[in-house]
Amino acid sequence: MTLEEILESGNYQLIDVREPMELEMDGEIAGAINIPLGEVEERKDEILNSDKPVVIFCRSGNRSGKALDFLNHEGLKNGYNGGGWADLKQKIENL
């Protein structure tokens, strides 16, 4: 499935890998779990145990790509890079 198809289904878990300070400064997406990139390795089970497709995002898509690469290596089967938070939020709001 594509990212757009996952978003349209409404059945997904959002993971925001930005730092908490960035959420305060820039904003966030309702329902997203904040797991900063530096904590992904130690909190990987929270993500790997999701029974829904996982959409990972950050400010631009760079850190979320790194997180997704790591999680795929750890066995994540249904992960998607949502890219930058502002673009992803707009996509969700426009559904």
C-alpha atoms as a PDB file:
ATOM      1  CA  MET A   1       0.000   0.000   0.000  1.00  0.00           C
ATOM      2  CA  THR A   2       1.051   3.575  -0.539  1.00  0.00           C
ATOM      3  CA  LEU A   3       1.253   6.184   2.199  1.00  0.00           C
ATOM      4  CA  GLU A   4      -1.852   7.854   0.759  1.00  0.00           C
ATOM      5  CA  GLU A   5      -3.799   4.570   0.889  1.00  0.00           C
ATOM      6  CA  ILE A   6      -2.740   4.028   4.510  1.00  0.00           C
ATOM      7  CA  LEU A   7      -3.850   7.543   5.459  1.00  0.00           C
ATOM      8  CA  GLU A   8      -7.157   7.120   3.648  1.00  0.00           C
ATOM      9  CA  SER A   9      -7.815   3.872   5.536  1.00  0.00           C
ATOM     10  CA  GLY A  10      -7.627   5.731   8.854  1.00  0.00           C
ATOM     11  CA  ASN A  11      -5.975   2.666  10.391  1.00  0.00           C
ATOM     12  CA  TYR A  12      -2.420   3.679  11.295  1.00  0.00           C
ATOM     13  CA  GLN A  13      -0.168   4.763  14.147  1.00  0.00           C
ATOM     14  CA  LEU A  14       1.715   8.058  13.852  1.00  0.00           C
ATOM     15  CA  ILE A  15       5.209   8.287  15.330  1.00  0.00           C
ATOM     16  CA  ASP A  16       6.810  11.745  15.546  1.00  0.00           C
ATOM     17  CA  VAL A  17      10.603  11.473  15.885  1.00  0.00           C
ATOM     18  CA  ARG A  18      11.183  15.186  16.473  1.00  0.00           C
ATOM     19  CA  GLU A  19      12.445  16.505  19.788  1.00  0.00           C
ATOM     20  CA  PRO A  20       9.801  17.665  22.321  1.00  0.00           C
ATOM     21  CA  MET A  21      11.035  21.249  21.949  1.00  0.00           C
ATOM     22  CA  GLU A  22      10.216  21.117  18.221  1.00  0.00           C
ATOM     23  CA  LEU A  23       6.640  20.074  18.970  1.00  0.00           C
ATOM     24  CA  GLU A  24       6.251  23.051  21.310  1.00  0.00           C
ATOM     25  CA  MET A  25       7.735  25.474  18.771  1.00  0.00           C
ATOM     26  CA  ASP A  26       6.258  24.157  15.532  1.00  0.00           C
ATOM     27  CA  GLY A  27       3.139  22.202  16.449  1.00  0.00           C
ATOM     28  CA  GLU A  28       2.114  18.590  16.349  1.00  0.00           C
ATOM     29  CA  ILE A  29      -0.347  16.171  14.798  1.00  0.00           C
ATOM     30  CA  ALA A  30      -3.152  14.986  17.062  1.00  0.00           C
ATOM     31  CA  GLY A  31      -2.810  11.336  18.049  1.00  0.00           C
ATOM     32  CA  ALA A  32       0.883  11.049  17.205  1.00  0.00           C
ATOM     33  CA  ILE A  33       3.244   9.438  19.697  1.00  0.00           C
ATOM     34  CA  ASN A  34       6.441  11.416  20.245  1.00  0.00           C
ATOM     35  CA  ILE A  35       9.514   9.165  20.259  1.00  0.00           C
ATOM     36  CA  PRO A  36      12.545  11.363  19.522  1.00  0.00           C
ATOM     37  CA  LEU A  37      15.014   9.790  17.080  1.00  0.00           C
ATOM     38  CA  GLY A  38      17.574   9.339  19.874  1.00  0.00           C
ATOM     39  CA  GLU A  39      15.074   7.169  21.790  1.00  0.00           C
ATOM     40  CA  VAL A  40      13.869   4.990  18.903  1.00  0.00           C
ATOM     41  CA  GLU A  41      16.370   2.199  19.584  1.00  0.00           C
ATOM     42  CA  GLU A  42      15.499   1.877  23.267  1.00  0.00           C
ATOM     43  CA  ARG A  43      11.746   2.261  22.614  1.00  0.00           C
ATOM     44  CA  LYS A  44      11.606   0.136  19.463  1.00  0.00           C
ATOM     45  CA  ASP A  45       9.251  -2.420  21.019  1.00  0.00           C
ATOM     46  CA  GLU A  46       6.542   0.257  21.321  1.00  0.00           C
ATOM     47  CA  ILE A  47       6.721   0.637  17.551  1.00  0.00           C
ATOM     48  CA  LEU A  48       7.362  -2.969  16.536  1.00  0.00           C
ATOM     49  CA  ASN A  49       4.392  -4.184  18.614  1.00  0.00           C
ATOM     50  CA  SER A  50       1.909  -1.963  16.782  1.00  0.00           C
ATOM     51  CA  ASP A  51      -0.825  -3.950  15.068  1.00  0.00           C
ATOM     52  CA  LYS A  52      -1.381  -1.049  12.670  1.00  0.00           C
ATOM     53  CA  PRO A  53       0.782   0.345   9.886  1.00  0.00           C
ATOM     54  CA  VAL A  54       3.279   2.814  11.352  1.00  0.00           C
ATOM     55  CA  VAL A  55       3.754   6.243   9.765  1.00  0.00           C
ATOM     56  CA  ILE A  56       6.941   7.907  11.001  1.00  0.00           C
ATOM     57  CA  PHE A  57       7.535  11.601  10.471  1.00  0.00           C
ATOM     58  CA  CYS A  58       9.790  14.472  11.566  1.00  0.00           C
ATOM     59  CA  ARG A  59      10.422  18.035  10.390  1.00  0.00           C
ATOM     60  CA  SER A  60      11.646  17.254   6.866  1.00  0.00           C
ATOM     61  CA  GLY A  61      11.612  13.461   6.401  1.00  0.00           C
ATOM     62  CA  ASN A  62      15.333  12.929   7.042  1.00  0.00           C
ATOM     63  CA  ARG A  63      15.175  11.682  10.643  1.00  0.00           C
ATOM     64  CA  SER A  64      12.043   9.678   9.955  1.00  0.00           C
ATOM     65  CA  GLY A  65      13.926   7.945   7.126  1.00  0.00           C
ATOM     66  CA  LYS A  66      16.740   7.045   9.509  1.00  0.00           C
ATOM     67  CA  ALA A  67      14.254   5.755  12.082  1.00  0.00           C
ATOM     68  CA  LEU A  68      12.439   3.712   9.431  1.00  0.00           C
ATOM     69  CA  ASP A  69      15.691   2.173   8.159  1.00  0.00           C
ATOM     70  CA  PHE A  70      16.579   1.099  11.705  1.00  0.00           C
ATOM     71  CA  LEU A  71      13.099  -0.270  12.432  1.00  0.00           C
ATOM     72  CA  ASN A  72      12.943  -2.151   9.118  1.00  0.00           C
ATOM     73  CA  HIS A  73      16.252  -3.774  10.061  1.00  0.00           C
ATOM     74  CA  GLU A  74      14.696  -4.722  13.407  1.00  0.00           C
ATOM     75  CA  GLY A  75      11.759  -6.421  11.674  1.00  0.00           C
ATOM     76  CA  LEU A  76       9.138  -3.730  11.077  1.00  0.00           C
ATOM     77  CA  LYS A  77       6.991  -4.898   8.157  1.00  0.00           C
ATOM     78  CA  ASN A  78       4.447  -2.123   7.781  1.00  0.00           C
ATOM     79  CA  GLY A  79       6.348   1.135   8.198  1.00  0.00           C
ATOM     80  CA  TYR A  80       6.049   4.274   6.084  1.00  0.00           C
ATOM     81  CA  ASN A  81       8.035   7.494   5.973  1.00  0.00           C
ATOM     82  CA  GLY A  82       5.452  10.229   6.360  1.00  0.00           C
ATOM     83  CA  GLY A  83       8.068  12.897   5.599  1.00  0.00           C
ATOM     84  CA  GLY A  84       7.748  16.348   7.111  1.00  0.00           C
ATOM     85  CA  TRP A  85       5.111  16.961   9.760  1.00  0.00           C
ATOM     86  CA  ALA A  86       3.536  20.000   8.082  1.00  0.00           C
ATOM     87  CA  ASP A  87       2.994  18.190   4.764  1.00  0.00           C
ATOM     88  CA  LEU A  88       1.704  15.073   6.523  1.00  0.00           C
ATOM     89  CA  LYS A  89      -0.700  17.106   8.661  1.00  0.00           C
ATOM     90  CA  GLN A  90      -2.055  18.785   5.538  1.00  0.00           C
ATOM     91  CA  LYS A  91      -2.526  15.411   3.804  1.00  0.00           C
ATOM     92  CA  ILE A  92      -4.454  14.066   6.801  1.00  0.00           C
ATOM     93  CA  GLU A  93      -6.613  17.187   7.095  1.00  0.00           C
ATOM     94  CA  ASN A  94      -7.442  17.085   3.375  1.00  0.00           C
ATOM     95  CA  LEU A  95      -8.761  13.528   3.427  1.00  0.00           C
END
